[in-house]
């Protein structure tokens, strides 16, 4: 989501990335088919996660299977957030700031450039495996 008017600065924008509990079966599935920008970034996320997890990101997004598992839902949610941010960027939305909670803070770090996509994937995958 984009929030305008943050801290009294009209016209400034912030992307806010949530933690676990914001997901639902089918989240991102329609965008995989309708948004080339979203699909391309999800493909990059899938490639980054692939050596770290025993499941396929795109299959999980399309089927919704496995979202009850912490070690699946957190990386999937992270990938959806990172990919949605790419869609916003393609639409000309360049946030002045990003903030997040849990896997959302990892997404924020990737979107801001503080972490590479590969490093973000590693952090979210390994963190979720420890929690799970």
N, C-alpha and C. Protein backbone atom coordinates (compact mmCIF):
# COMPACT_ATOMS: atom_id res chain seq x y z
N UNK A 1 0.82 -1.19 0.00
CA UNK A 1 0.00 0.00 0.00
C UNK A 1 0.86 1.26 0.00
N UNK A 2 0.35 2.33 -0.54
CA UNK A 2 1.05 3.61 -0.54
C UNK A 2 0.30 4.55 0.38
N UNK A 3 1.03 5.20 1.26
CA UNK A 3 0.44 6.13 2.21
C UNK A 3 0.99 7.51 1.90
N UNK A 4 0.11 8.47 1.67
CA UNK A 4 0.55 9.84 1.41
C UNK A 4 0.40 10.67 2.67
N UNK A 5 1.17 11.72 2.73
CA UNK A 5 1.07 12.64 3.85
C UNK A 5 1.75 12.13 5.11
N UNK A 6 2.75 11.28 4.98
CA UNK A 6 3.43 10.73 6.14
C UNK A 6 4.19 11.84 6.86
N UNK A 7 4.05 11.90 8.16
CA UNK A 7 4.75 12.86 9.02
C UNK A 7 4.57 14.30 8.52
N UNK A 8 3.39 14.60 7.99
CA UNK A 8 3.10 15.95 7.56
C UNK A 8 3.71 16.33 6.22
N UNK A 9 4.33 15.41 5.53
CA UNK A 9 4.96 15.71 4.25
C UNK A 9 4.02 15.33 3.12
N UNK A 10 3.16 16.24 2.73
CA UNK A 10 2.18 15.96 1.69
C UNK A 10 2.92 15.62 0.39
N UNK A 11 2.43 14.58 -0.27
CA UNK A 11 3.02 14.18 -1.53
C UNK A 11 4.14 13.17 -1.41
N UNK A 12 4.55 12.85 -0.22
CA UNK A 12 5.59 11.84 -0.02
C UNK A 12 4.89 10.49 0.13
N UNK A 13 5.61 9.41 -0.18
CA UNK A 13 4.98 8.09 -0.11
C UNK A 13 5.86 7.09 0.63
N UNK A 14 5.20 6.13 1.24
CA UNK A 14 5.86 5.07 1.98
C UNK A 14 5.20 3.75 1.59
N UNK A 15 6.01 2.74 1.31
CA UNK A 15 5.47 1.40 1.14
C UNK A 15 5.59 0.70 2.49
N UNK A 16 4.48 0.15 2.96
CA UNK A 16 4.41 -0.54 4.25
C UNK A 16 4.19 -2.02 3.97
N UNK A 17 5.12 -2.86 4.42
CA UNK A 17 5.06 -4.29 4.17
C UNK A 17 4.71 -5.02 5.46
N UNK A 18 3.62 -5.77 5.48
CA UNK A 18 3.16 -6.44 6.70
C UNK A 18 3.89 -7.76 6.95
N UNK A 19 3.63 -8.30 8.12
CA UNK A 19 4.15 -9.61 8.48
C UNK A 19 3.12 -10.70 8.22
N UNK A 20 3.37 -11.85 8.79
CA UNK A 20 2.50 -13.01 8.60
C UNK A 20 1.09 -12.72 9.11
N UNK A 21 0.11 -13.31 8.45
CA UNK A 21 -1.29 -13.12 8.81
C UNK A 21 -2.04 -12.33 7.77
N UNK A 22 -1.31 -11.76 6.81
CA UNK A 22 -1.93 -10.97 5.76
C UNK A 22 -2.18 -11.79 4.50
N UNK A 23 -1.78 -13.04 4.53
CA UNK A 23 -1.85 -13.88 3.33
C UNK A 23 -3.21 -14.57 3.19
N UNK A 24 -3.48 -15.01 1.97
CA UNK A 24 -4.65 -15.83 1.69
C UNK A 24 -4.32 -16.71 0.49
N UNK A 25 -4.99 -17.84 0.42
CA UNK A 25 -4.80 -18.74 -0.71
C UNK A 25 -5.19 -18.01 -1.99
N UNK A 26 -4.33 -18.04 -2.96
CA UNK A 26 -4.57 -17.38 -4.24
C UNK A 26 -3.97 -16.00 -4.35
N UNK A 27 -3.37 -15.50 -3.26
CA UNK A 27 -2.78 -14.16 -3.33
C UNK A 27 -1.69 -14.14 -4.40
N UNK A 28 -1.78 -13.21 -5.29
CA UNK A 28 -0.80 -13.06 -6.35
C UNK A 28 -1.02 -13.94 -7.57
N UNK A 29 -1.90 -14.92 -7.47
CA UNK A 29 -2.10 -15.87 -8.58
C UNK A 29 -2.59 -15.16 -9.84
N UNK A 30 -3.54 -14.27 -9.70
CA UNK A 30 -4.07 -13.57 -10.87
C UNK A 30 -3.01 -12.64 -11.47
N UNK A 31 -2.23 -11.99 -10.61
CA UNK A 31 -1.18 -11.11 -11.12
C UNK A 31 -0.10 -11.88 -11.87
N UNK A 32 0.15 -13.12 -11.47
CA UNK A 32 1.11 -13.95 -12.21
C UNK A 32 0.72 -14.07 -13.68
N UNK A 33 -0.58 -14.13 -13.91
CA UNK A 33 -1.08 -14.30 -15.28
C UNK A 33 -1.30 -12.98 -16.00
N UNK A 34 -1.59 -11.91 -15.26
CA UNK A 34 -1.99 -10.66 -15.91
C UNK A 34 -0.92 -9.57 -15.92
N UNK A 35 0.09 -9.67 -15.08
CA UNK A 35 1.10 -8.62 -14.99
C UNK A 35 2.48 -9.17 -15.34
N UNK A 36 3.00 -8.83 -16.50
CA UNK A 36 4.35 -9.29 -16.86
C UNK A 36 5.42 -8.82 -15.86
N UNK A 37 5.25 -7.64 -15.32
CA UNK A 37 6.22 -7.11 -14.35
C UNK A 37 6.20 -7.96 -13.08
N UNK A 38 5.01 -8.23 -12.56
CA UNK A 38 4.86 -9.06 -11.37
C UNK A 38 5.41 -10.45 -11.62
N UNK A 39 5.05 -11.05 -12.75
CA UNK A 39 5.49 -12.41 -13.08
C UNK A 39 7.00 -12.49 -13.21
N UNK A 40 7.61 -11.49 -13.82
CA UNK A 40 9.07 -11.51 -13.98
C UNK A 40 9.77 -11.44 -12.62
N UNK A 41 9.30 -10.55 -11.75
CA UNK A 41 9.95 -10.43 -10.43
C UNK A 41 9.68 -11.68 -9.59
N UNK A 42 8.49 -12.25 -9.69
CA UNK A 42 8.22 -13.51 -8.97
C UNK A 42 9.13 -14.61 -9.49
N UNK A 43 9.40 -14.63 -10.78
CA UNK A 43 10.33 -15.61 -11.34
C UNK A 43 11.72 -15.44 -10.76
N UNK A 44 12.15 -14.19 -10.59
CA UNK A 44 13.45 -13.92 -9.96
C UNK A 44 13.45 -14.37 -8.50
N UNK A 45 12.36 -14.12 -7.80
CA UNK A 45 12.24 -14.56 -6.41
C UNK A 45 12.26 -16.09 -6.34
N UNK A 46 11.56 -16.75 -7.26
CA UNK A 46 11.54 -18.21 -7.30
C UNK A 46 12.94 -18.76 -7.50
N UNK A 47 13.69 -18.15 -8.42
CA UNK A 47 15.06 -18.61 -8.66
C UNK A 47 15.94 -18.40 -7.44
N UNK A 48 15.75 -17.30 -6.73
CA UNK A 48 16.55 -17.02 -5.54
C UNK A 48 16.19 -17.96 -4.39
N UNK A 49 14.92 -18.32 -4.27
CA UNK A 49 14.47 -19.21 -3.18
C UNK A 49 14.75 -20.68 -3.47
N UNK A 50 14.76 -21.05 -4.73
CA UNK A 50 14.83 -22.46 -5.13
C UNK A 50 15.91 -23.29 -4.43
N UNK A 51 17.14 -22.81 -4.33
CA UNK A 51 18.15 -23.64 -3.67
C UNK A 51 18.00 -23.72 -2.15
N UNK A 52 17.09 -22.94 -1.60
CA UNK A 52 16.95 -22.83 -0.15
C UNK A 52 15.73 -23.55 0.41
N UNK A 53 14.77 -23.89 -0.46
CA UNK A 53 13.51 -24.48 -0.01
C UNK A 53 13.20 -25.74 -0.82
N UNK A 54 12.31 -26.56 -0.31
CA UNK A 54 11.94 -27.79 -0.99
C UNK A 54 10.59 -27.71 -1.70
N UNK A 55 10.21 -26.55 -2.15
CA UNK A 55 8.93 -26.35 -2.82
C UNK A 55 9.12 -25.26 -3.88
N UNK A 56 8.16 -25.15 -4.80
CA UNK A 56 8.24 -24.20 -5.89
C UNK A 56 7.34 -23.00 -5.61
N UNK A 57 7.92 -21.83 -5.58
CA UNK A 57 7.19 -20.60 -5.27
C UNK A 57 5.98 -20.40 -6.17
N UNK A 58 6.16 -20.53 -7.47
CA UNK A 58 5.06 -20.26 -8.39
C UNK A 58 3.94 -21.28 -8.25
N UNK A 59 4.28 -22.53 -7.97
CA UNK A 59 3.24 -23.55 -7.73
C UNK A 59 2.43 -23.22 -6.48
N UNK A 60 3.13 -22.81 -5.42
CA UNK A 60 2.43 -22.47 -4.17
C UNK A 60 1.51 -21.28 -4.39
N UNK A 61 1.99 -20.27 -5.10
CA UNK A 61 1.15 -19.08 -5.33
C UNK A 61 -0.09 -19.47 -6.14
N UNK A 62 0.09 -20.29 -7.14
CA UNK A 62 -1.05 -20.69 -7.97
C UNK A 62 -2.03 -21.61 -7.23
N UNK A 63 -1.51 -22.52 -6.40
CA UNK A 63 -2.37 -23.51 -5.74
C UNK A 63 -2.82 -23.11 -4.34
N UNK A 64 -2.03 -22.30 -3.65
CA UNK A 64 -2.32 -21.96 -2.26
C UNK A 64 -1.93 -23.05 -1.28
N UNK A 65 -1.40 -24.16 -1.80
CA UNK A 65 -1.03 -25.28 -0.92
C UNK A 65 0.26 -24.98 -0.17
N UNK A 66 0.24 -25.31 1.11
CA UNK A 66 1.42 -25.14 1.95
C UNK A 66 1.44 -23.85 2.74
N UNK A 67 0.48 -22.96 2.51
CA UNK A 67 0.50 -21.67 3.19
C UNK A 67 0.26 -21.78 4.69
N UNK A 68 -0.15 -22.96 5.16
CA UNK A 68 -0.33 -23.15 6.61
C UNK A 68 1.01 -23.35 7.31
N UNK A 69 2.07 -23.58 6.54
CA UNK A 69 3.41 -23.81 7.10
C UNK A 69 4.19 -22.50 7.13
N UNK A 70 4.79 -22.18 8.27
CA UNK A 70 5.58 -20.95 8.43
C UNK A 70 6.73 -20.92 7.43
N UNK A 71 7.37 -22.08 7.21
CA UNK A 71 8.54 -22.10 6.31
C UNK A 71 8.15 -21.94 4.85
N UNK A 72 6.86 -21.93 4.56
CA UNK A 72 6.37 -21.67 3.20
C UNK A 72 5.75 -20.28 3.13
N UNK A 73 4.84 -19.99 4.06
CA UNK A 73 4.07 -18.75 3.97
C UNK A 73 4.95 -17.51 4.06
N UNK A 74 5.97 -17.52 4.90
CA UNK A 74 6.78 -16.32 5.03
C UNK A 74 7.59 -16.01 3.77
N UNK A 75 8.28 -16.98 3.17
CA UNK A 75 8.96 -16.66 1.91
C UNK A 75 7.99 -16.31 0.78
N UNK A 76 6.82 -16.95 0.74
CA UNK A 76 5.85 -16.63 -0.31
C UNK A 76 5.35 -15.20 -0.13
N UNK A 77 5.00 -14.84 1.08
CA UNK A 77 4.51 -13.49 1.34
C UNK A 77 5.59 -12.46 1.01
N UNK A 78 6.84 -12.76 1.39
CA UNK A 78 7.97 -11.89 1.05
C UNK A 78 8.05 -11.70 -0.46
N UNK A 79 7.99 -12.78 -1.22
CA UNK A 79 8.10 -12.70 -2.68
C UNK A 79 6.96 -11.90 -3.28
N UNK A 80 5.75 -12.07 -2.77
CA UNK A 80 4.61 -11.30 -3.27
C UNK A 80 4.83 -9.82 -3.00
N UNK A 81 5.30 -9.46 -1.81
CA UNK A 81 5.52 -8.06 -1.48
C UNK A 81 6.61 -7.44 -2.36
N UNK A 82 7.72 -8.16 -2.53
CA UNK A 82 8.81 -7.66 -3.37
C UNK A 82 8.31 -7.48 -4.81
N UNK A 83 7.50 -8.40 -5.28
CA UNK A 83 7.00 -8.34 -6.64
C UNK A 83 5.95 -7.24 -6.81
N UNK A 84 5.11 -7.03 -5.80
CA UNK A 84 4.15 -5.92 -5.86
C UNK A 84 4.87 -4.58 -5.89
N UNK A 85 5.96 -4.47 -5.14
CA UNK A 85 6.75 -3.23 -5.16
C UNK A 85 7.30 -2.96 -6.55
N UNK A 86 7.66 -4.01 -7.27
CA UNK A 86 8.14 -3.86 -8.64
C UNK A 86 7.02 -3.35 -9.55
N UNK A 87 5.80 -3.81 -9.32
CA UNK A 87 4.65 -3.32 -10.08
C UNK A 87 4.45 -1.83 -9.80
N UNK A 88 4.49 -1.45 -8.54
CA UNK A 88 4.35 -0.03 -8.18
C UNK A 88 5.43 0.79 -8.87
N UNK A 89 6.67 0.30 -8.84
CA UNK A 89 7.78 1.03 -9.48
C UNK A 89 7.53 1.19 -10.98
N UNK A 90 7.03 0.14 -11.62
CA UNK A 90 6.73 0.20 -13.06
C UNK A 90 5.62 1.21 -13.35
N UNK A 91 4.80 1.49 -12.36
CA UNK A 91 3.72 2.48 -12.51
C UNK A 91 4.20 3.89 -12.14
N UNK A 92 5.48 4.02 -11.81
CA UNK A 92 6.04 5.32 -11.48
C UNK A 92 6.06 5.66 -10.01
N UNK A 93 5.64 4.74 -9.15
CA UNK A 93 5.66 5.00 -7.71
C UNK A 93 7.05 4.69 -7.17
N UNK A 94 7.73 5.74 -6.75
CA UNK A 94 9.06 5.61 -6.16
C UNK A 94 8.92 6.07 -4.70
N UNK A 95 8.84 5.13 -3.76
CA UNK A 95 8.59 5.53 -2.37
C UNK A 95 9.74 6.33 -1.78
N UNK A 96 9.38 7.26 -0.92
CA UNK A 96 10.38 8.02 -0.18
C UNK A 96 10.95 7.20 0.96
N UNK A 97 10.19 6.20 1.39
CA UNK A 97 10.63 5.32 2.47
C UNK A 97 9.90 3.99 2.36
N UNK A 98 10.48 2.98 2.95
CA UNK A 98 9.85 1.67 3.07
C UNK A 98 9.99 1.22 4.51
N UNK A 99 9.00 0.47 4.98
CA UNK A 99 9.02 -0.04 6.34
C UNK A 99 8.29 -1.37 6.34
N UNK A 100 8.66 -2.25 7.26
CA UNK A 100 7.98 -3.53 7.32
C UNK A 100 8.11 -4.20 8.66
N UNK A 101 7.35 -5.28 8.82
CA UNK A 101 7.37 -6.08 10.03
C UNK A 101 7.61 -7.53 9.64
N UNK A 102 8.49 -8.23 10.35
CA UNK A 102 8.77 -9.64 10.13
C UNK A 102 9.28 -9.83 8.71
N UNK A 103 8.66 -10.70 7.90
CA UNK A 103 9.14 -10.86 6.53
C UNK A 103 8.95 -9.58 5.73
N UNK A 104 8.06 -8.71 6.20
CA UNK A 104 7.89 -7.41 5.57
C UNK A 104 9.11 -6.52 5.70
N UNK A 105 9.84 -6.64 6.81
CA UNK A 105 11.06 -5.84 6.93
C UNK A 105 12.14 -6.37 6.00
N UNK A 106 12.12 -7.66 5.72
CA UNK A 106 13.08 -8.23 4.76
C UNK A 106 12.71 -7.75 3.35
N UNK A 107 11.43 -7.71 3.05
CA UNK A 107 10.98 -7.17 1.76
C UNK A 107 11.39 -5.70 1.64
N UNK A 108 11.19 -4.93 2.69
CA UNK A 108 11.56 -3.51 2.67
C UNK A 108 13.05 -3.35 2.43
N UNK A 109 13.86 -4.21 3.03
CA UNK A 109 15.31 -4.13 2.84
C UNK A 109 15.69 -4.41 1.39
N UNK A 110 15.00 -5.35 0.75
CA UNK A 110 15.26 -5.66 -0.66
C UNK A 110 14.79 -4.50 -1.55
N UNK A 111 13.60 -4.02 -1.31
CA UNK A 111 13.04 -2.94 -2.14
C UNK A 111 13.89 -1.68 -2.01
N UNK A 112 14.43 -1.42 -0.84
CA UNK A 112 15.25 -0.22 -0.64
C UNK A 112 16.65 -0.37 -1.22
N UNK A 113 17.05 -1.61 -1.51
CA UNK A 113 18.41 -1.85 -2.00
C UNK A 113 19.40 -2.17 -0.91
N UNK A 114 18.95 -2.22 0.36
CA UNK A 114 19.85 -2.56 1.47
C UNK A 114 20.28 -4.02 1.41
N UNK A 115 19.42 -4.88 0.87
CA UNK A 115 19.75 -6.30 0.64
C UNK A 115 19.52 -6.61 -0.83
N UNK A 116 20.35 -7.48 -1.38
CA UNK A 116 20.09 -7.98 -2.73
C UNK A 116 18.90 -8.94 -2.67
N UNK A 117 18.33 -9.24 -3.80
CA UNK A 117 17.23 -10.20 -3.84
C UNK A 117 17.69 -11.55 -3.30
N UNK A 118 18.89 -11.98 -3.68
CA UNK A 118 19.41 -13.27 -3.22
C UNK A 118 19.63 -13.28 -1.71
N UNK A 119 20.17 -12.20 -1.18
CA UNK A 119 20.37 -12.12 0.28
C UNK A 119 19.03 -12.08 1.01
N UNK A 120 18.06 -11.36 0.48
CA UNK A 120 16.73 -11.32 1.08
C UNK A 120 16.08 -12.69 1.08
N UNK A 121 16.22 -13.41 -0.03
CA UNK A 121 15.67 -14.76 -0.11
C UNK A 121 16.31 -15.67 0.94
N UNK A 122 17.61 -15.56 1.08
CA UNK A 122 18.32 -16.38 2.07
C UNK A 122 17.84 -16.07 3.48
N UNK A 123 17.74 -14.79 3.80
CA UNK A 123 17.32 -14.39 5.15
C UNK A 123 15.90 -14.88 5.42
N UNK A 124 14.96 -14.65 4.50
CA UNK A 124 13.56 -15.03 4.76
C UNK A 124 13.41 -16.53 4.80
N UNK A 125 14.10 -17.26 3.95
CA UNK A 125 13.98 -18.73 3.94
C UNK A 125 14.56 -19.33 5.20
N UNK A 126 15.77 -18.95 5.56
CA UNK A 126 16.41 -19.53 6.74
C UNK A 126 15.69 -19.11 8.03
N UNK A 127 15.28 -17.86 8.10
CA UNK A 127 14.55 -17.39 9.29
C UNK A 127 13.25 -18.17 9.46
N UNK A 128 12.51 -18.35 8.38
CA UNK A 128 11.22 -19.07 8.49
C UNK A 128 11.42 -20.53 8.84
N UNK A 129 12.52 -21.13 8.40
CA UNK A 129 12.80 -22.52 8.74
C UNK A 129 13.12 -22.66 10.23
N UNK A 130 13.82 -21.70 10.79
CA UNK A 130 14.12 -21.73 12.23
C UNK A 130 12.85 -21.55 13.05
N UNK A 131 12.00 -20.62 12.63
CA UNK A 131 10.74 -20.38 13.34
C UNK A 131 9.82 -21.59 13.25
N UNK A 132 9.75 -22.17 12.04
CA UNK A 132 8.85 -23.30 11.79
C UNK A 132 9.30 -24.55 12.51
